[in-house]
Amino acid sequence: MKSFITLVSLLFALTMMTACGGKDSYYEQFISDKKASSRSLDLNKSLEEIRAIEKGKLIKDDINLLKYVYEIGENDTYIVSYLFDEKGCWEVGIDTYFEKEEDAQNLVEGIKAEISGTDYGSPSEDNNLCRWKSPTGSASIELDYVNLGRGLVILTIMADK
């Protein structure tokens, strides 16, 4: 009987460690498809090119707009939106909806570090809004985390020319 209890206890402990551990941070899950900074490479691509490379679940397909949803964690999502004109994609927007503030904070810290480590350099920051400009002036990135306490983070990548 003692060995049975030991075996059950061991299996329970192993199950708990597997269930609670091993999950990547929200930032790591977020970039598993594509890094935030590399989404700027989607600017000027055609609607058809974006459709061919995007891996999320398509939730809106219009002549000037594509929207994809991604699940992250257990109950959270983020939406990637692409806006188009006659020249191609001119804006990529990423809106997150997280239940916990710390998951949103993890994402913000990861994005800040990632983009600051590229040729975009350090951001200008004011009132929970970070702004980066590409060295050529052809694109800009904004990270809005004013509603971080509600789990909302907005990342916008825009073509400036």
Protein backbone atom coordinates (compact mmCIF):
# COMPACT_ATOMS: atom_id res chain seq x y z
CA MET A 1 0.00 0.00 0.00
CA LYS A 2 2.88 2.35 0.86
CA SER A 3 4.45 1.87 -2.59
CA PHE A 4 1.07 2.57 -4.25
CA ILE A 5 0.74 5.88 -2.35
CA THR A 6 4.32 6.77 -3.25
CA LEU A 7 3.67 5.98 -6.92
CA VAL A 8 0.45 8.03 -6.96
CA SER A 9 2.22 10.94 -5.23
CA LEU A 10 5.07 10.78 -7.74
CA LEU A 11 2.69 10.73 -10.70
CA PHE A 12 0.72 13.65 -9.24
CA ALA A 13 3.90 15.69 -8.73
CA LEU A 14 5.09 14.93 -12.25
CA THR A 15 1.70 15.91 -13.69
CA MET A 16 1.73 19.22 -11.78
CA MET A 17 5.26 20.07 -12.93
CA THR A 18 4.36 19.34 -16.53
CA ALA A 19 1.12 21.32 -16.37
CA CYS A 20 2.61 24.36 -14.60
CA GLY A 21 6.03 24.48 -16.18
CA GLY A 22 7.39 24.45 -19.66
CA LYS A 23 5.16 27.26 -20.97
CA ASP A 24 7.03 29.98 -22.79
CA SER A 25 6.51 33.56 -21.71
CA TYR A 26 3.86 35.52 -23.60
CA TYR A 27 6.59 37.35 -25.49
CA GLU A 28 8.23 34.07 -26.52
CA GLN A 29 4.85 32.69 -27.64
CA PHE A 30 4.14 35.96 -29.48
CA ILE A 31 7.37 35.82 -31.51
CA SER A 32 7.12 32.09 -32.22
CA ASP A 33 5.32 32.96 -35.46
CA LYS A 34 7.17 36.16 -36.34
CA LYS A 35 9.21 38.73 -34.44
CA ALA A 36 7.58 42.11 -33.98
CA SER A 37 10.45 43.91 -35.72
CA SER A 38 10.33 41.62 -38.75
CA ARG A 39 6.68 42.50 -39.36
CA SER A 40 7.95 45.79 -40.79
CA LEU A 41 9.15 43.69 -43.74
CA ASP A 42 5.46 43.08 -44.56
CA LEU A 43 5.02 46.75 -45.44
CA ASN A 44 4.43 47.31 -49.18
CA LYS A 45 3.58 43.64 -49.78
CA SER A 46 0.39 42.89 -51.67
CA LEU A 47 -2.74 41.44 -50.11
CA GLU A 48 -2.04 38.15 -51.89
CA GLU A 49 1.54 38.01 -50.57
CA ILE A 50 0.35 38.55 -46.99
CA ARG A 51 -2.39 35.94 -47.39
CA ALA A 52 0.23 33.43 -48.55
CA ILE A 53 2.59 33.93 -45.60
CA GLU A 54 0.32 34.73 -42.63
CA LYS A 55 -0.30 31.77 -40.33
CA GLY A 56 -3.06 33.03 -38.01
CA LYS A 57 -6.76 32.23 -38.27
CA LEU A 58 -8.27 34.56 -40.87
CA ILE A 59 -11.22 36.45 -39.35
CA LYS A 60 -11.68 39.27 -41.87
CA ASP A 61 -10.85 39.41 -45.56
CA ASP A 62 -11.74 42.63 -47.36
CA ILE A 63 -10.36 44.48 -50.36
CA ASN A 64 -8.20 46.72 -48.12
CA LEU A 65 -8.01 44.73 -44.88
CA LEU A 66 -6.89 41.34 -43.61
CA LYS A 67 -7.30 40.33 -39.95
CA TYR A 68 -5.88 37.26 -38.28
CA VAL A 69 -6.36 36.05 -34.72
CA TYR A 70 -3.82 34.11 -32.68
CA GLU A 71 -4.43 32.32 -29.42
CA ILE A 72 -1.81 32.75 -26.75
CA GLY A 73 -1.62 31.24 -23.30
CA GLU A 74 -4.85 29.55 -22.25
CA ASN A 75 -7.53 32.22 -22.71
CA ASP A 76 -5.85 35.15 -24.42
CA THR A 77 -5.59 36.36 -28.00
CA TYR A 78 -3.96 38.91 -30.20
CA ILE A 79 -5.11 40.17 -33.58
CA VAL A 80 -2.85 41.09 -36.48
CA SER A 81 -4.42 43.50 -38.99
CA TYR A 82 -3.02 44.52 -42.37
CA LEU A 83 -4.27 47.66 -44.13
CA PHE A 84 -3.73 48.05 -47.87
CA ASP A 85 -3.91 50.71 -50.55
CA GLU A 86 -2.92 50.63 -54.22
CA LYS A 87 0.79 50.46 -53.27
CA GLY A 88 0.40 47.49 -50.90
CA CYS A 89 0.39 47.10 -47.14
CA TRP A 90 0.86 50.46 -45.45
CA GLU A 91 0.08 49.47 -41.85
CA VAL A 92 0.40 46.40 -39.66
CA GLY A 93 -1.50 46.59 -36.39
CA ILE A 94 -1.28 44.14 -33.52
CA ASP A 95 -3.82 44.35 -30.71
CA THR A 96 -3.48 42.14 -27.65
CA TYR A 97 -6.16 41.13 -25.19
CA PHE A 98 -4.66 39.50 -22.12
CA GLU A 99 -6.40 38.58 -18.89
CA LYS A 100 -3.39 39.34 -16.67
CA GLU A 101 -1.43 42.57 -16.55
CA GLU A 102 1.84 40.70 -15.98
CA ASP A 103 1.41 38.84 -19.30
CA ALA A 104 0.91 42.15 -21.11
CA GLN A 105 3.91 43.62 -19.25
CA ASN A 106 6.04 40.64 -20.32
CA LEU A 107 5.09 41.31 -23.94
CA VAL A 108 5.84 45.05 -23.68
CA GLU A 109 9.27 44.44 -22.17
CA GLY A 110 10.11 41.85 -24.83
CA ILE A 111 9.01 44.09 -27.72
CA LYS A 112 10.91 47.10 -26.34
CA ALA A 113 14.11 45.08 -26.00
CA GLU A 114 13.70 43.44 -29.40
CA ILE A 115 13.06 46.59 -31.43
CA SER A 116 15.66 48.63 -29.54
CA GLY A 117 18.20 45.96 -30.54
CA THR A 118 17.54 46.55 -34.26
CA ASP A 119 18.59 49.43 -36.49
CA TYR A 120 15.51 51.29 -35.19
CA GLY A 121 17.54 51.97 -32.02
CA SER A 122 16.16 53.45 -28.81
CA PRO A 123 12.60 54.72 -28.77
CA SER A 124 11.25 58.07 -27.77
CA GLU A 125 8.91 57.36 -24.88
CA ASP A 126 6.10 59.46 -23.47
CA ASN A 127 2.99 58.51 -21.45
CA ASN A 128 3.24 54.75 -22.05
CA LEU A 129 3.86 55.19 -25.78
CA CYS A 130 7.16 54.20 -27.41
CA ARG A 131 8.00 55.43 -30.92
CA TRP A 132 10.77 54.18 -33.19
CA LYS A 133 11.74 55.50 -36.63
CA SER A 134 13.65 53.48 -39.20
CA PRO A 135 17.05 54.94 -40.12
CA THR A 136 15.80 55.61 -43.65
CA GLY A 137 12.61 57.28 -42.43
CA SER A 138 10.51 54.87 -44.46
CA ALA A 139 8.76 53.22 -41.50
CA SER A 140 7.83 53.85 -37.90
CA ILE A 141 6.75 51.64 -35.02
CA GLU A 142 4.55 52.63 -32.10
CA LEU A 143 3.98 50.58 -28.96
CA ASP A 144 1.00 51.84 -26.94
CA TYR A 145 0.65 50.33 -23.48
CA VAL A 146 -1.41 52.98 -21.70
CA ASN A 147 -4.06 50.33 -20.89
CA LEU A 148 -1.55 47.76 -19.67
CA GLY A 149 -3.54 47.25 -16.47
CA ARG A 150 -6.42 45.95 -18.58
CA GLY A 151 -4.12 43.63 -20.59
CA LEU A 152 -4.27 45.77 -23.73
CA VAL A 153 -1.17 46.46 -25.81
CA ILE A 154 -1.23 47.97 -29.30
CA LEU A 155 1.70 47.70 -31.69
CA THR A 156 1.45 49.68 -34.93
CA ILE A 157 3.96 49.49 -37.78
CA MET A 158 3.47 52.09 -40.52
CA ALA A 159 5.00 52.95 -43.85
CA ASP A 160 5.97 56.61 -43.73
CA LYS A 161 6.60 57.17 -47.44
